[in-house]
């Protein structure tokens, strides 16, 4: 049986909703849907999906590191946007991070996220050692 490690960001939402920032089981890491809120709960990049996506990917990178993974280990991304008309803003940020890694990716328009100021939510799955090409 594989060891399970729950990774917390310390956000109060985790206990309230009953989730973890990330979960590692064996060599697999799943990072929860992530929005552009800082440690104080303030929205980063209001009205700017590119800035939000960049910030989110940095938060995801931190969660992966806490689980012993890197962005190079990411094998799947899921991007949720509230305005498909601005998809290129979000995918530009995604490409800046994943252009050479090239994980499987999904981009979906949704009616809303947890708050109207959030324009993007991203979640990823990683397999530790996937960046070794073997």
Protein backbone atom coordinates (compact mmCIF):
# COMPACT_ATOMS: atom_id res chain seq x y z
CA UNK A 1 0.00 0.00 0.00
CA UNK A 2 1.35 3.41 -0.99
CA UNK A 3 2.04 6.09 1.58
CA UNK A 4 -0.31 9.11 1.44
CA UNK A 5 0.98 12.61 2.17
CA UNK A 6 -1.48 15.51 2.44
CA UNK A 7 0.10 18.89 1.74
CA UNK A 8 -1.55 21.97 3.24
CA UNK A 9 -1.17 25.60 2.27
CA UNK A 10 -2.58 26.62 5.65
CA UNK A 11 -5.58 28.31 4.05
CA UNK A 12 -8.69 28.25 6.24
CA UNK A 13 -10.71 26.90 3.30
CA UNK A 14 -8.97 23.53 3.53
CA UNK A 15 -10.50 22.62 6.89
CA UNK A 16 -13.82 24.26 6.05
CA UNK A 17 -14.25 22.39 2.76
CA UNK A 18 -12.28 19.27 3.69
CA UNK A 19 -9.51 19.20 1.09
CA UNK A 20 -5.73 19.45 0.78
CA UNK A 21 -3.66 21.79 -1.41
CA UNK A 22 -2.04 18.66 -2.81
CA UNK A 23 -1.97 14.94 -2.16
CA UNK A 24 0.94 12.62 -2.88
CA UNK A 25 0.39 8.87 -3.10
CA UNK A 26 3.48 6.96 -4.09
CA UNK A 27 5.08 8.86 -6.96
CA UNK A 28 1.83 10.58 -8.01
CA UNK A 29 0.92 14.11 -6.92
CA UNK A 30 -2.48 15.71 -7.41
CA UNK A 31 -2.70 19.48 -6.89
CA UNK A 32 -6.16 20.86 -6.15
CA UNK A 33 -7.82 23.52 -8.25
CA UNK A 34 -5.91 26.72 -7.54
CA UNK A 35 -7.05 30.34 -7.92
CA UNK A 36 -5.09 33.59 -7.75
CA UNK A 37 -5.41 34.48 -4.08
CA UNK A 38 -2.43 35.44 -1.97
CA UNK A 39 -1.64 34.46 1.63
CA UNK A 40 -3.95 37.23 2.90
CA UNK A 41 -6.83 35.99 0.74
CA UNK A 42 -6.56 38.92 -1.67
CA UNK A 43 -7.08 38.40 -5.41
CA UNK A 44 -3.92 38.74 -7.49
CA UNK A 45 -4.38 40.29 -10.93
CA UNK A 46 -8.02 41.37 -10.80
CA UNK A 47 -9.43 41.53 -14.32
CA UNK A 48 -6.24 40.02 -15.83
CA UNK A 49 -6.40 36.29 -16.65
CA UNK A 50 -2.74 36.17 -17.73
CA UNK A 51 -1.49 37.59 -14.41
CA UNK A 52 -3.81 35.26 -12.51
CA UNK A 53 -2.57 32.23 -14.46
CA UNK A 54 1.10 33.12 -13.88
CA UNK A 55 0.46 33.52 -10.14
CA UNK A 56 -1.49 30.25 -9.99
CA UNK A 57 1.29 28.33 -11.72
CA UNK A 58 3.78 29.67 -9.17
CA UNK A 59 1.50 28.51 -6.34
CA UNK A 60 1.24 25.11 -7.99
CA UNK A 61 5.02 24.93 -8.33
CA UNK A 62 5.31 25.54 -4.57
CA UNK A 63 2.78 22.80 -3.78
CA UNK A 64 4.60 20.38 -6.08
CA UNK A 65 7.91 21.17 -4.36
CA UNK A 66 6.36 20.45 -0.96
CA UNK A 67 5.38 17.04 -2.33
CA UNK A 68 8.85 16.37 -3.76
CA UNK A 69 7.87 17.08 -7.38
CA UNK A 70 8.68 19.72 -9.98
CA UNK A 71 6.83 21.34 -12.85
CA UNK A 72 8.77 18.95 -15.08
CA UNK A 73 6.90 16.05 -13.46
CA UNK A 74 3.47 17.40 -14.49
CA UNK A 75 1.65 15.03 -16.84
CA UNK A 76 -1.83 16.62 -16.88
CA UNK A 77 -3.19 20.15 -16.49
CA UNK A 78 -6.79 21.32 -16.33
CA UNK A 79 -7.53 24.99 -16.90
CA UNK A 80 -10.92 26.48 -16.08
CA UNK A 81 -11.72 29.96 -17.38
CA UNK A 82 -14.78 32.14 -16.96
CA UNK A 83 -14.35 33.90 -20.32
CA UNK A 84 -13.36 31.70 -23.26
CA UNK A 85 -12.86 34.90 -25.26
CA UNK A 86 -9.64 35.39 -23.23
CA UNK A 87 -8.34 31.83 -23.53
CA UNK A 88 -5.12 33.02 -25.20
CA UNK A 89 -4.16 35.03 -22.11
CA UNK A 90 -4.36 31.89 -19.99
CA UNK A 91 -2.72 29.54 -22.47
CA UNK A 92 0.17 31.98 -22.99
CA UNK A 93 1.03 31.64 -19.30
CA UNK A 94 0.60 27.86 -19.55
CA UNK A 95 2.92 27.70 -22.58
CA UNK A 96 5.58 29.78 -20.83
CA UNK A 97 5.79 27.11 -18.15
CA UNK A 98 4.98 23.92 -20.05
CA UNK A 99 6.17 24.51 -23.65
CA UNK A 100 8.92 21.89 -23.42
CA UNK A 101 7.20 19.66 -20.84
CA UNK A 102 3.98 19.38 -22.87
CA UNK A 103 1.58 17.68 -20.43
CA UNK A 104 -1.85 16.52 -21.51
CA UNK A 105 -4.10 19.56 -21.07
CA UNK A 106 -7.77 20.47 -20.89
CA UNK A 107 -9.22 23.98 -21.21
CA UNK A 108 -12.84 24.44 -20.15
CA UNK A 109 -15.09 27.48 -19.88
CA UNK A 110 -17.17 27.54 -16.70
CA UNK A 111 -20.04 29.77 -15.63
CA UNK A 112 -18.28 30.86 -12.45
CA UNK A 113 -15.51 30.07 -10.00
CA UNK A 114 -15.52 30.45 -6.20
CA UNK A 115 -15.78 34.25 -6.52
CA UNK A 116 -16.53 36.58 -9.43
CA UNK A 117 -13.06 38.15 -9.25
CA UNK A 118 -11.43 34.83 -10.09
CA UNK A 119 -11.05 34.35 -13.84
CA UNK A 120 -8.89 31.21 -13.87
CA UNK A 121 -8.52 28.02 -11.87
CA UNK A 122 -5.84 25.43 -12.61
CA UNK A 123 -5.21 21.94 -11.29
CA UNK A 124 -2.42 19.52 -12.16
CA UNK A 125 -1.36 15.92 -11.79
CA UNK A 126 2.30 14.94 -11.65
CA UNK A 127 4.31 11.75 -11.56
CA UNK A 128 7.60 12.14 -9.74
CA UNK A 129 10.42 11.18 -12.05
CA UNK A 130 8.43 11.95 -15.22
CA UNK A 131 10.88 14.75 -16.04
CA UNK A 132 13.70 12.22 -16.37
CA UNK A 133 12.35 11.04 -19.72
CA UNK A 134 12.55 7.44 -18.82
